C-alpha atoms as a PDB file:
ATOM      1  CA  MET A   1      94.336 109.007 101.541  1.00  0.00           C
ATOM      2  CA  ILE A   2      93.294 106.214  98.640  1.00  0.00           C
ATOM      3  CA  ILE A   3      89.447 107.348  99.282  1.00  0.00           C
ATOM      4  CA  THR A   4      90.279 111.184  99.561  1.00  0.00           C
ATOM      5  CA  GLY A   5      92.127 110.834  96.607  1.00  0.00           C
ATOM      6  CA  PHE A   6      89.361 108.643  94.641  1.00  0.00           C
ATOM      7  CA  VAL A   7      86.394 111.182  95.736  1.00  0.00           C
ATOM      8  CA  ALA A   8      88.620 114.399  94.313  1.00  0.00           C
ATOM      9  CA  ASP A   9      88.805 112.355  90.995  1.00  0.00           C
ATOM     10  CA  LEU A  10      84.846 111.602  90.859  1.00  0.00           C
ATOM     11  CA  SER A  11      84.764 115.919  92.403  1.00  0.00           C
ATOM     12  CA  ILE A  12      85.093 119.066  90.260  1.00  0.00           C
ATOM     13  CA  GLY A  13      86.434 122.773  90.843  1.00  0.00           C
ATOM     14  CA  THR A  14      88.180 123.235  94.069  1.00  0.00           C
ATOM     15  CA  THR A  15      86.166 120.688  95.486  1.00  0.00           C
ATOM     16  CA  LYS A  16      88.667 117.915  94.004  1.00  0.00           C
ATOM     17  CA  TYR A  17      91.468 120.035  95.270  1.00  0.00           C
ATOM     18  CA  ILE A  18      90.130 120.266  99.289  1.00  0.00           C
ATOM     19  CA  TRP A  19      90.087 116.694  99.112  1.00  0.00           C
ATOM     20  CA  TYR A  20      93.644 115.829  97.522  1.00  0.00           C
ATOM     21  CA  SER A  21      94.691 118.115 100.573  1.00  0.00           C
ATOM     22  CA  LEU A  22      92.740 115.802 103.330  1.00  0.00           C
ATOM     23  CA  GLY A  23      94.810 112.818 101.763  1.00  0.00           C
ATOM     24  CA  VAL A  24      98.160 115.164 101.331  1.00  0.00           C
ATOM     25  CA  ILE A  25      97.458 115.146 104.918  1.00  0.00           C
ATOM     26  CA  ALA A  26      97.040 112.053 105.575  1.00  0.00           C
ATOM     27  CA  LEU A  27     100.292 110.951 104.125  1.00  0.00           C
ATOM     28  CA  ILE A  28     101.914 113.853 105.992  1.00  0.00           C
ATOM     29  CA  ILE A  29     100.621 111.943 109.474  1.00  0.00           C
ATOM     30  CA  ILE A  30     101.265 108.269 108.526  1.00  0.00           C
ATOM     31  CA  LEU A  31     105.056 109.657 107.262  1.00  0.00           C
ATOM     32  CA  VAL A  32     105.513 111.639 110.723  1.00  0.00           C
ATOM     33  CA  ILE A  33     104.341 108.589 112.672  1.00  0.00           C
ATOM     34  CA  THR A  34     107.037 105.747 110.289  1.00  0.00           C
ATOM     35  CA  PHE A  35     110.132 108.800 111.072  1.00  0.00           C
ATOM     36  CA  GLY A  36     109.324 109.420 114.361  1.00  0.00           C
ATOM     37  CA  PRO A  37     107.121 106.467 116.978  1.00  0.00           C
ATOM     38  CA  LEU A  38     107.616 103.637 115.057  1.00  0.00           C
ATOM     39  CA  ARG A  39     112.227 104.952 114.008  1.00  0.00           C
ATOM     40  CA  ARG A  40     112.275 105.744 117.550  1.00  0.00           C
ATOM     41  CA  ILE A  41     111.205 102.317 118.509  1.00  0.00           C
ATOM     42  CA  ALA A  42     113.228 100.180 115.638  1.00  0.00           C
ATOM     43  CA  ILE A  43     116.340 102.722 116.800  1.00  0.00           C
ATOM     44  CA  SER A  44     115.922 101.217 120.556  1.00  0.00           C
ATOM     45  CA  ASN A  45     116.117  97.385 119.051  1.00  0.00           C
ATOM     46  CA  GLY A  46     119.698  98.246 117.974  1.00  0.00           C
ATOM     47  CA  THR A  47     121.444 100.309 115.176  1.00  0.00           C
ATOM     48  CA  ARG A  48     121.277  96.739 112.108  1.00  0.00           C
ATOM     49  CA  LEU A  49     117.366  96.789 112.820  1.00  0.00           C
ATOM     50  CA  ALA A  50     117.455 100.894 112.924  1.00  0.00           C
ATOM     51  CA  ARG A  51     119.210 100.675 109.330  1.00  0.00           C
ATOM     52  CA  HIS A  52     116.668  98.188 107.597  1.00  0.00           C
ATOM     53  CA  TYR A  53     114.087  99.791 109.066  1.00  0.00           C
ATOM     54  CA  THR A  54     114.736 103.493 107.969  1.00  0.00           C
ATOM     55  CA  ARG A  55     116.184 101.792 104.236  1.00  0.00           C
ATOM     56  CA  VAL A  56     112.188 100.497 104.145  1.00  0.00           C
ATOM     57  CA  ALA A  57     110.828 103.578 105.532  1.00  0.00           C
ATOM     58  CA  ILE A  58     112.337 105.650 103.061  1.00  0.00           C
ATOM     59  CA  TYR A  59     111.916 103.379 100.122  1.00  0.00           C
ATOM     60  CA  LEU A  60     108.120 103.510 100.833  1.00  0.00           C
ATOM     61  CA  SER A  61     107.472 107.063 101.422  1.00  0.00           C
ATOM     62  CA  VAL A  62     109.646 108.119  98.203  1.00  0.00           C
ATOM     63  CA  LEU A  63     106.984 105.448  96.513  1.00  0.00           C
ATOM     64  CA  TRP A  64     103.939 106.794  98.268  1.00  0.00           C
ATOM     65  CA  VAL A  65     104.538 110.804  97.606  1.00  0.00           C
ATOM     66  CA  CYS A  66     104.776 110.114  94.452  1.00  0.00           C
ATOM     67  CA  TYR A  67     101.337 108.995  93.910  1.00  0.00           C
ATOM     68  CA  PRO A  68      99.966 112.561  94.894  1.00  0.00           C
ATOM     69  CA  THR A  69     102.894 113.736  92.503  1.00  0.00           C
ATOM     70  CA  ALA A  70     100.996 111.708  90.026  1.00  0.00           C
ATOM     71  CA  TRP A  71      97.350 112.607  90.842  1.00  0.00           C
ATOM     72  CA  LEU A  72      98.457 116.207  90.701  1.00  0.00           C
ATOM     73  CA  LEU A  73     100.601 116.251  87.738  1.00  0.00           C
ATOM     74  CA  GLY A  74      98.644 114.312  85.702  1.00  0.00           C
ATOM     75  CA  PRO A  75      94.719 115.213  83.904  1.00  0.00           C
ATOM     76  CA  SER A  76      92.717 115.055  87.226  1.00  0.00           C
ATOM     77  CA  GLY A  77      94.889 117.549  88.455  1.00  0.00           C
ATOM     78  CA  LEU A  78      97.000 120.134  87.141  1.00  0.00           C
ATOM     79  CA  GLY A  79      96.998 118.599  83.556  1.00  0.00           C
ATOM     80  CA  LEU A  80     100.442 118.534  83.250  1.00  0.00           C
ATOM     81  CA  ALA A  81     100.635 114.993  82.038  1.00  0.00           C
ATOM     82  CA  GLN A  82      99.717 112.985  79.784  1.00  0.00           C
ATOM     83  CA  GLU A  83      96.505 110.603  80.758  1.00  0.00           C
ATOM     84  CA  LEU A  84      98.152 107.328  79.584  1.00  0.00           C
ATOM     85  CA  THR A  85     101.659 108.781  81.614  1.00  0.00           C
ATOM     86  CA  GLU A  86      99.430 108.316  84.557  1.00  0.00           C
ATOM     87  CA  VAL A  87      97.634 105.754  84.078  1.00  0.00           C
ATOM     88  CA  LEU A  88     101.169 103.968  83.595  1.00  0.00           C
ATOM     89  CA  VAL A  89     102.357 105.858  86.937  1.00  0.00           C
ATOM     90  CA  PHE A  90      99.774 104.638  88.812  1.00  0.00           C
ATOM     91  CA  ILE A  91     100.450 100.702  87.240  1.00  0.00           C
ATOM     92  CA  ILE A  92     103.782 100.846  87.739  1.00  0.00           C
ATOM     93  CA  LEU A  93     103.951 102.777  91.827  1.00  0.00           C
ATOM     94  CA  PRO A  94     101.794 100.344  92.960  1.00  0.00           C
ATOM     95  CA  ILE A  95     104.140  97.229  91.776  1.00  0.00           C
ATOM     96  CA  PHE A  96     106.776  98.747  93.197  1.00  0.00           C
ATOM     97  CA  SER A  97     104.750 100.410  96.157  1.00  0.00           C
ATOM     98  CA  LYS A  98     104.039  95.831  97.157  1.00  0.00           C
ATOM     99  CA  VAL A  99     106.436  94.178  95.352  1.00  0.00           C
ATOM    100  CA  GLY A 100     109.536  95.848  95.791  1.00  0.00           C
ATOM    101  CA  PHE A 101     108.780  96.903  99.212  1.00  0.00           C
ATOM    102  CA  SER A 102     107.881  93.021  99.817  1.00  0.00           C
ATOM    103  CA  ILE A 103     111.389  91.922  98.308  1.00  0.00           C
ATOM    104  CA  VAL A 104     113.636  94.702 100.200  1.00  0.00           C
ATOM    105  CA  ASP A 105     112.032  93.957 103.085  1.00  0.00           C
ATOM    106  CA  LEU A 106     112.080  90.351 103.136  1.00  0.00           C
ATOM    107  CA  HIS A 107     115.921  90.884 102.121  1.00  0.00           C
ATOM    108  CA  GLY A 108     116.756  92.751 104.850  1.00  0.00           C
ATOM    109  CA  LEU A 109     114.867  91.137 107.995  1.00  0.00           C
ATOM    110  CA  ARG A 110     116.583  88.022 106.439  1.00  0.00           C
ATOM    111  CA  LYS A 111     119.866  89.456 106.295  1.00  0.00           C
ATOM    112  CA  LEU A 112     119.552  90.583 109.535  1.00  0.00           C
ATOM    113  CA  HIS A 113     118.605  87.101 110.837  1.00  0.00           C
ATOM    114  CA  GLN A 114     121.096  85.742 109.968  1.00  0.00           C
ATOM    115  CA  SER A 115     123.166  88.048 110.996  1.00  0.00           C
ATOM    116  CA  SER A 116     122.064  87.398 114.825  1.00  0.00           C
ATOM    117  CA  TYR A 117     122.962  84.052 114.554  1.00  0.00           C
ATOM    118  CA  VAL A 118     126.446  84.905 113.753  1.00  0.00           C
ATOM    119  CA  HIS A 119     126.725  87.106 116.447  1.00  0.00           C
ATOM    120  CA  ASN A 120     124.995  84.266 118.705  1.00  0.00           C
END
């Protein structure tokens, strides 16, 4: 996804949209795996883990969808957003999708771990 977005940004005309589309296809594959087999594994390990997995998967997926959306709306794509807006989005998104995700995930995993002691 990252590579196709980079190549799309360097490309011109319809070629950039072909690369963009390949990145979106990669994202869709990742989302299908995330909400298909990986979610089934989480469900098979209990309701509480399944809830936590679903929560963090949705959190991360929403942010992941923002990347190609920002590119498409920005100057590299359709030009509906200003360059400063696109740059700010690409600065803020990694913070929330990496640091924010880590905080949400670790908090949820700690709650699962603590509650497993209570139930045992």
